[in-house]
Amino acid sequence: MSYDIWVAEPVITSEDIQAVTKALRERRLSGGKYVARFEEALSASLGGFEVVVVNAGTAALHISLMTLGIKPGDEVITTPFSITATSNVIVHMGARPVFADINPRTFNLDPRCVEAKITEKTAAIMPIDYGGQVCDMDELNEIAERHGILVIEDAAPALGGIYRGQKAGTLGDAGGFSFFPDKNITTGEGGAAIFRDPEHAERARILRKHGARERYHNTLIGYNWKMPDFAAALGISQLKRLESVIEEKHKLARYYSDAFEEFVDIHPPYVEAWNRHTYAVYSILFEDFGLRQKAMSSLREAGIESRIMFPPIHKQPAFVEEFEDMGYYPVAEQAGRRILSLPIYLGLTEGQQDLVIDTIKRVVR
């Protein structure tokens, strides 16, 4: 279906086009200099952490699990309230995703629920920074340290987010970003894995090119996860604008939240005082399923896209079929029935936001 107003749209400037054109004209479409330059720029923005760019956010998570040694039979505790990529990579490792319920205000993993799920098979915790707001990583790291397990931060939507003075994606043993077109910077398709340990980063760089330490000398069984050079050139150009993108997203989010504040049937995003949200996603919570469905239908009729982010993973047919009993997660299930993500992107006008707001208000009045 085509919409007049989409949930997200990438911004491609003349500078972006020039950067990509320059890389294309140099004719090193893979294995050129721009991947290394993009990694250096990302590392500098994150305070010096090791960065390995890859061809998808999903690949960033997969390579992190491989690098840190997750193996068949392990259990990885994660959220049921995410895109299935978060759990798919666990399954691809031969491990089992074990879900824990979420915080009803932030939709991030609830640390109390996580600790209750730990068993002798638990190898790692993998939270996602929902919508661009970082999880309560201090508590999750404390739990992990007590039990001798790893933390892999799925920071796919959270590049530029800040948690208690620390950068999103740098708060676990590894982290991962996505540069899909609906994120705050894009490379078309792409992602980055973040590591504390330089040895882990070096292993990841080998894994992303078929496990080859050098051409035709394979020391590991790897994958083809390489990012094209022209995509990295786009990422370098986009990264320069990240701070201004987040600043503009905050203005858009405030405009929505101020408008919805008077309605008891609508709950705008809750942001913890210690977090800087990136607003890659702006989600509101309705009081009940029926209101959400009416609002979604009315928006569609007005030519406005909205998304349910997310239907719980443990209810997805593939996971129901693969795993006998994945448990009951009432907060995630209620959120899945009541949540709706609204358009938020650079270039969204005040008039367009008013149309979104007024369409929803007519439903809840």
Protein backbone atom coordinates (compact mmCIF):
# COMPACT_ATOMS: atom_id res chain seq x y z
CA MET A 1 0.00 0.00 0.00
CA SER A 2 1.20 3.52 -0.76
CA TYR A 3 0.90 6.32 1.82
CA ASP A 4 1.09 10.09 1.74
CA ILE A 5 2.88 10.04 5.11
CA TRP A 6 5.14 7.10 5.97
CA VAL A 7 6.32 6.00 9.41
CA ALA A 8 9.93 6.65 8.41
CA GLU A 9 11.80 8.09 5.46
CA PRO A 10 15.56 8.36 4.93
CA VAL A 11 17.10 11.75 4.23
CA ILE A 12 19.62 11.66 1.38
CA THR A 13 21.41 14.96 0.80
CA SER A 14 23.52 16.19 -2.10
CA GLU A 15 26.58 15.58 0.10
CA ASP A 16 25.51 11.94 0.55
CA ILE A 17 25.11 11.52 -3.21
CA GLN A 18 28.52 13.08 -3.84
CA ALA A 19 30.14 10.78 -1.27
CA VAL A 20 28.62 7.66 -2.84
CA THR A 21 29.41 8.84 -6.37
CA LYS A 22 33.05 9.45 -5.42
CA ALA A 23 33.32 5.93 -3.96
CA LEU A 24 31.70 4.40 -7.06
CA ARG A 25 34.07 6.26 -9.38
CA GLU A 26 37.01 4.82 -7.49
CA ARG A 27 35.69 1.37 -8.55
CA ARG A 28 36.64 -0.45 -5.34
CA LEU A 29 33.10 -1.55 -4.59
CA SER A 30 34.24 -4.02 -1.94
CA GLY A 31 37.34 -4.13 0.18
CA GLY A 32 38.26 -0.49 -0.38
CA LYS A 33 39.15 2.29 2.03
CA TYR A 34 35.70 3.53 3.02
CA VAL A 35 34.77 0.58 5.25
CA ALA A 36 37.86 1.21 7.41
CA ARG A 37 37.13 4.95 7.45
CA PHE A 38 33.53 4.35 8.51
CA GLU A 39 34.71 2.06 11.31
CA GLU A 40 37.17 4.73 12.48
CA ALA A 41 34.48 7.43 12.44
CA LEU A 42 32.02 5.25 14.38
CA SER A 43 34.71 4.29 16.88
CA ALA A 44 35.56 7.94 17.47
CA SER A 45 31.87 8.78 18.02
CA LEU A 46 31.62 5.94 20.58
CA GLY A 47 34.70 6.88 22.57
CA GLY A 48 37.18 4.47 21.03
CA PHE A 49 35.34 1.14 21.17
CA GLU A 50 36.16 -1.46 18.51
CA VAL A 51 33.80 -1.33 15.52
CA VAL A 52 33.22 -3.95 12.80
CA VAL A 53 30.78 -2.86 10.09
CA VAL A 54 28.74 -5.50 8.28
CA ASN A 55 25.96 -5.74 5.70
CA ALA A 56 22.97 -5.77 8.10
CA GLY A 57 21.99 -5.09 11.68
CA THR A 58 21.06 -8.76 11.94
CA ALA A 59 24.58 -9.70 10.83
CA ALA A 60 25.96 -7.46 13.59
CA LEU A 61 24.09 -9.49 16.21
CA HIS A 62 24.93 -12.82 14.59
CA ILE A 63 28.64 -12.02 14.38
CA SER A 64 28.59 -10.87 18.02
CA LEU A 65 27.11 -14.18 19.18
CA MET A 66 29.63 -16.14 17.09
CA THR A 67 32.57 -14.07 18.26
CA LEU A 68 31.66 -14.40 21.93
CA GLY A 69 31.30 -18.18 21.62
CA ILE A 70 27.57 -18.83 21.94
CA LYS A 71 27.13 -22.49 21.02
CA PRO A 72 24.40 -25.07 20.35
CA GLY A 73 22.49 -25.92 23.51
CA ASP A 74 23.11 -22.54 25.14
CA GLU A 75 20.25 -20.35 26.28
CA VAL A 76 20.16 -16.63 25.59
CA ILE A 77 17.67 -14.51 27.54
CA THR A 78 16.10 -11.85 25.36
CA THR A 79 12.95 -9.82 24.84
CA PRO A 80 9.74 -11.08 23.24
CA PHE A 81 9.00 -7.46 22.22
CA SER A 82 11.20 -6.86 19.20
CA ILE A 83 11.57 -7.62 15.52
CA THR A 84 12.24 -11.36 15.15
CA ALA A 85 15.85 -10.71 14.01
CA THR A 86 16.83 -10.46 17.69
CA SER A 87 15.72 -14.05 18.30
CA ASN A 88 16.44 -15.44 14.84
CA VAL A 89 20.20 -15.06 15.30
CA ILE A 90 20.04 -17.02 18.55
CA VAL A 91 18.27 -19.87 16.77
CA HIS A 92 20.80 -19.73 13.91
CA MET A 93 23.52 -20.40 16.50
CA GLY A 94 21.75 -23.59 17.59
CA ALA A 95 20.95 -21.89 20.89
CA ARG A 96 17.53 -21.31 22.42
CA PRO A 97 15.94 -17.88 22.93
CA VAL A 98 14.48 -17.65 26.42
CA PHE A 99 12.11 -14.74 26.86
CA ALA A 100 11.67 -12.47 29.86
CA ASP A 101 8.91 -9.91 30.20
CA ILE A 102 9.30 -6.18 29.66
CA ASN A 103 9.00 -2.95 31.63
CA PRO A 104 5.45 -1.62 31.02
CA ARG A 105 6.67 1.98 30.66
CA THR A 106 9.82 1.68 28.50
CA PHE A 107 9.05 -1.69 26.79
CA ASN A 108 12.64 -2.73 27.51
CA LEU A 109 13.60 -5.96 29.28
CA ASP A 110 12.64 -5.96 32.95
CA PRO A 111 15.78 -6.99 34.92
CA ARG A 112 13.67 -8.66 37.63
CA CYS A 113 12.11 -10.94 35.03
CA VAL A 114 15.52 -11.66 33.50
CA GLU A 115 17.08 -12.95 36.71
CA ALA A 116 14.19 -15.36 37.24
CA LYS A 117 14.96 -16.98 33.86
CA ILE A 118 18.62 -17.80 34.46
CA THR A 119 19.56 -21.50 34.49
CA GLU A 120 22.78 -23.47 34.25
CA LYS A 121 22.37 -23.31 30.44
CA THR A 122 22.18 -19.52 30.28
CA ALA A 123 25.13 -18.11 28.34
CA ALA A 124 24.05 -14.52 27.69
CA ILE A 125 21.45 -11.79 28.03
CA MET A 126 20.54 -9.91 24.84
CA PRO A 127 18.31 -6.87 25.45
CA ILE A 128 17.13 -4.46 22.76
CA ASP A 129 17.05 -0.68 23.27
CA TYR A 130 13.39 -0.32 22.29
CA GLY A 131 12.71 2.54 19.89
CA GLY A 132 16.08 4.13 20.72
CA GLN A 133 15.91 4.19 24.55
CA VAL A 134 18.67 2.21 26.25
CA CYS A 135 17.71 -0.60 28.65
CA ASP A 136 18.57 -0.51 32.33
CA MET A 137 22.02 -1.83 31.48
CA ASP A 138 23.52 -1.34 34.96
CA GLU A 139 21.09 -3.84 36.46
CA LEU A 140 21.45 -6.26 33.55
CA ASN A 141 25.25 -6.13 33.77
CA GLU A 142 25.13 -6.71 37.52
CA ILE A 143 22.94 -9.77 37.00
CA ALA A 144 25.29 -11.04 34.29
CA GLU A 145 28.35 -10.54 36.48
CA ARG A 146 26.78 -12.41 39.39
CA HIS A 147 26.02 -15.38 37.17
CA GLY A 148 29.14 -15.29 34.99
CA ILE A 149 27.29 -14.72 31.72
CA LEU A 150 27.64 -12.33 28.77
CA VAL A 151 25.64 -9.27 27.73
CA ILE A 152 25.07 -8.44 24.06
CA GLU A 153 23.26 -5.11 23.59
CA ASP A 154 20.95 -4.97 20.59
CA ALA A 155 21.20 -1.22 20.07
CA ALA A 156 19.82 -1.40 16.51
CA PRO A 157 17.72 1.81 16.80
CA ALA A 158 19.85 3.57 19.42
CA LEU A 159 22.96 5.01 17.73
CA GLY A 160 23.52 8.35 19.46
CA GLY A 161 21.56 7.29 22.54
CA ILE A 162 23.11 7.99 25.95
CA TYR A 163 22.60 6.04 29.17
CA ARG A 164 23.95 7.57 32.38
CA GLY A 165 26.66 9.35 30.38
CA GLN A 166 27.62 6.28 28.33
CA LYS A 167 26.99 5.69 24.64
CA ALA A 168 24.38 3.17 23.50
CA GLY A 169 25.91 0.04 22.02
CA THR A 170 28.98 0.17 24.29
CA LEU A 171 27.35 -1.10 27.48
CA GLY A 172 27.77 -4.87 27.14
CA ASP A 173 30.45 -7.34 26.07
CA ALA A 174 29.27 -6.60 22.53
CA GLY A 175 26.63 -4.47 20.87
CA GLY A 176 25.01 -4.04 17.49
CA PHE A 177 23.58 -1.17 15.42
CA SER A 178 21.40 -1.19 12.32
CA PHE A 179 21.67 1.25 9.41
CA PHE A 180 18.42 0.23 7.70
CA PRO A 181 16.59 3.15 5.99
CA ASP A 182 14.25 3.69 8.97
CA LYS A 183 17.15 4.36 11.35
CA ASN A 184 18.66 7.76 12.19
CA ILE A 185 21.55 7.15 9.80
CA THR A 186 21.43 4.71 6.91
CA THR A 187 23.72 2.84 4.56
CA GLY A 188 20.75 1.29 2.72
CA GLU A 189 21.33 -2.06 4.36
CA GLY A 190 24.05 -2.36 6.96
CA GLY A 191 25.04 -2.63 10.57
CA ALA A 192 27.93 -2.49 13.01
CA ALA A 193 29.11 -4.76 15.80
CA ILE A 194 30.77 -3.07 18.79
CA PHE A 195 33.32 -4.82 21.02
CA ARG A 196 35.27 -3.95 24.16
CA ASP A 197 38.01 -6.48 23.41
CA PRO A 198 40.27 -5.88 20.36
CA GLU A 199 40.73 -9.65 20.00
CA HIS A 200 36.97 -10.10 19.65
CA ALA A 201 36.88 -7.39 16.99
CA GLU A 202 39.69 -9.05 15.05
CA ARG A 203 37.89 -12.39 15.18
CA ALA A 204 34.71 -10.68 13.91
CA ARG A 205 36.60 -9.11 10.99
CA ILE A 206 37.81 -12.57 9.98
CA LEU A 207 34.34 -14.08 10.34
CA ARG A 208 32.71 -11.43 8.12
CA LYS A 209 34.85 -12.41 5.11
CA HIS A 210 34.25 -16.17 5.03
CA GLY A 211 36.62 -16.75 7.96
CA ALA A 212 39.67 -15.70 5.92
CA ARG A 213 42.49 -13.99 7.82
CA GLU A 214 43.95 -13.20 4.41
CA ARG A 215 42.81 -13.99 0.89
CA TYR A 216 42.19 -17.74 0.43
CA HIS A 217 43.61 -18.55 3.89
CA ASN A 218 40.65 -19.50 6.06
CA THR A 219 41.25 -19.89 9.77
CA LEU A 220 37.56 -19.88 10.72
CA ILE A 221 34.24 -21.00 9.21
CA GLY A 222 32.71 -17.63 8.45
CA TYR A 223 30.04 -15.85 6.44
CA ASN A 224 29.90 -13.20 3.75
CA TRP A 225 28.89 -10.24 5.92
CA LYS A 226 30.97 -7.53 4.21
CA MET A 227 29.60 -4.02 3.74
CA PRO A 228 30.10 -2.56 0.23
CA ASP A 229 32.50 0.37 0.08
CA PHE A 230 29.97 2.80 -1.41
CA ALA A 231 27.54 1.97 1.42
CA ALA A 232 30.26 2.80 3.95
CA ALA A 233 30.86 6.11 2.11
CA LEU A 234 27.17 6.91 2.59
CA GLY A 235 27.47 6.00 6.28
CA ILE A 236 30.43 8.34 6.77
CA SER A 237 28.46 11.21 5.24
CA GLN A 238 25.31 10.44 7.25
CA LEU A 239 27.16 10.06 10.55
CA LYS A 240 28.29 13.70 10.36
CA ARG A 241 24.64 14.74 10.79
CA LEU A 242 23.65 12.31 13.56
CA GLU A 243 23.48 14.89 16.36
CA SER A 244 21.28 17.25 14.34
CA VAL A 245 19.03 14.32 13.36
CA ILE A 246 18.49 13.36 17.01
CA GLU A 247 17.88 16.99 17.96
CA GLU A 248 15.19 17.29 15.27
CA LYS A 249 13.64 13.95 16.31
CA HIS A 250 13.32 15.30 19.86
CA LYS A 251 11.39 18.33 18.57
CA LEU A 252 9.04 16.09 16.60
CA ALA A 253 8.54 13.79 19.61
CA ARG A 254 7.80 16.74 21.94
CA TYR A 255 5.20 18.07 19.51
CA TYR A 256 3.39 14.72 19.51
CA SER A 257 3.67 14.19 23.26
CA ASP A 258 2.41 17.66 24.13
CA ALA A 259 -0.63 17.09 21.90
CA PHE A 260 -1.46 13.68 23.37
CA GLU A 261 -0.89 14.66 27.01
CA GLU A 262 -4.50 15.72 27.61
CA PHE A 263 -5.94 12.32 26.59
CA VAL A 264 -6.22 9.66 29.29
CA ASP A 265 -6.66 6.97 26.62
CA ILE A 266 -3.26 7.67 25.02
CA HIS A 267 0.13 7.27 26.69
CA PRO A 268 3.12 8.94 24.95
CA PRO A 269 6.58 7.36 25.29
CA TYR A 270 8.02 7.32 28.79
CA VAL A 271 11.70 8.30 28.91
CA GLU A 272 13.87 7.55 31.93
CA ALA A 273 15.63 10.64 33.34
CA TRP A 274 19.07 9.14 32.73
CA ASN A 275 18.45 8.35 29.04
CA ARG A 276 18.76 10.31 25.84
CA HIS A 277 16.22 8.70 23.51
CA THR A 278 17.03 8.68 19.79
CA TYR A 279 13.37 8.39 18.69
CA ALA A 280 14.14 6.05 15.84
CA VAL A 281 10.61 4.93 16.73
CA TYR A 282 7.82 6.99 18.32
CA SER A 283 5.21 4.69 19.87
CA ILE A 284 2.05 5.53 21.77
CA LEU A 285 0.06 3.14 23.94
CA PHE A 286 -3.75 3.09 23.79
CA GLU A 287 -5.92 2.08 26.72
CA ASP A 288 -7.31 -0.90 24.82
CA PHE A 289 -7.01 -2.98 21.67
CA GLY A 290 -10.21 -1.63 20.10
CA LEU A 291 -9.06 1.98 20.24
CA ARG A 292 -5.70 1.06 18.74
CA GLN A 293 -7.36 -0.77 15.85
CA LYS A 294 -9.74 2.14 15.16
CA ALA A 295 -6.85 4.61 15.20
CA MET A 296 -4.79 2.46 12.85
CA SER A 297 -7.73 2.14 10.45
CA SER A 298 -8.46 5.88 10.52
CA LEU A 299 -4.83 6.72 9.87
CA ARG A 300 -4.75 4.32 6.93
CA GLU A 301 -7.87 5.93 5.45
CA ALA A 302 -6.17 9.33 5.80
CA GLY A 303 -3.12 8.08 3.87
CA ILE A 304 -0.94 7.81 6.96
CA GLU A 305 1.19 4.75 7.71
CA SER A 306 1.42 3.41 11.26
CA ARG A 307 2.99 0.19 12.53
CA ILE A 308 2.48 -2.27 15.38
CA MET A 309 5.99 -2.43 16.80
CA PHE A 310 5.87 -5.18 17.83
CA PRO A 311 3.64 -8.26 17.84
CA PRO A 312 5.34 -10.47 20.47
CA ILE A 313 7.88 -12.91 19.04
CA HIS A 314 6.68 -15.87 21.11
CA LYS A 315 3.30 -15.60 19.33
CA GLN A 316 4.83 -15.68 15.84
CA PRO A 317 3.91 -18.90 13.95
CA ALA A 318 7.55 -19.82 13.24
CA PHE A 319 8.42 -19.74 16.93
CA VAL A 320 5.24 -21.49 18.04
CA GLU A 321 6.08 -24.29 15.61
CA GLU A 322 9.79 -24.47 16.49
CA PHE A 323 9.49 -24.39 20.29
CA GLU A 324 6.91 -26.26 22.34
CA ASP A 325 6.31 -23.73 25.09
CA MET A 326 7.89 -20.28 25.09
CA GLY A 327 5.92 -19.06 28.10
CA TYR A 328 3.45 -16.29 28.90
CA TYR A 329 4.58 -12.66 29.03
CA PRO A 330 1.57 -10.53 29.99
CA VAL A 331 3.21 -7.11 29.72
CA ALA A 332 4.63 -7.81 26.25
CA GLU A 333 1.34 -9.30 25.11
CA GLN A 334 -0.66 -6.32 26.35
CA ALA A 335 1.79 -3.91 24.73
CA GLY A 336 1.49 -5.80 21.45
CA ARG A 337 -2.28 -5.33 21.54
CA ARG A 338 -2.21 -1.62 22.42
CA ILE A 339 0.90 -0.07 20.89
CA LEU A 340 1.12 1.96 17.69
CA SER A 341 4.17 3.58 16.10
CA LEU A 342 3.61 6.90 14.34
CA PRO A 343 5.47 8.77 11.59
CA ILE A 344 8.68 10.43 12.76
CA TYR A 345 11.41 11.49 10.35
CA LEU A 346 13.29 14.58 9.20
CA GLY A 347 11.14 16.51 6.78
CA LEU A 348 7.88 15.66 8.57
CA THR A 349 6.09 19.00 8.74
CA GLU A 350 4.05 20.46 11.58
CA GLY A 351 1.00 20.29 9.31
CA GLN A 352 1.58 16.58 8.71
CA GLN A 353 1.98 15.98 12.42
CA ASP A 354 -1.26 17.87 13.04
CA LEU A 355 -3.01 15.59 10.55
CA VAL A 356 -1.70 12.52 12.41
CA ILE A 357 -2.73 13.97 15.77
CA ASP A 358 -6.18 15.12 14.67
CA THR A 359 -6.93 11.77 13.03
CA ILE A 360 -6.15 9.97 16.29
CA LYS A 361 -7.99 12.50 18.43
CA ARG A 362 -11.20 11.97 16.48
CA VAL A 363 -11.06 8.31 17.44
CA VAL A 364 -10.48 8.76 21.17
CA ARG A 365 -12.88 11.66 21.78
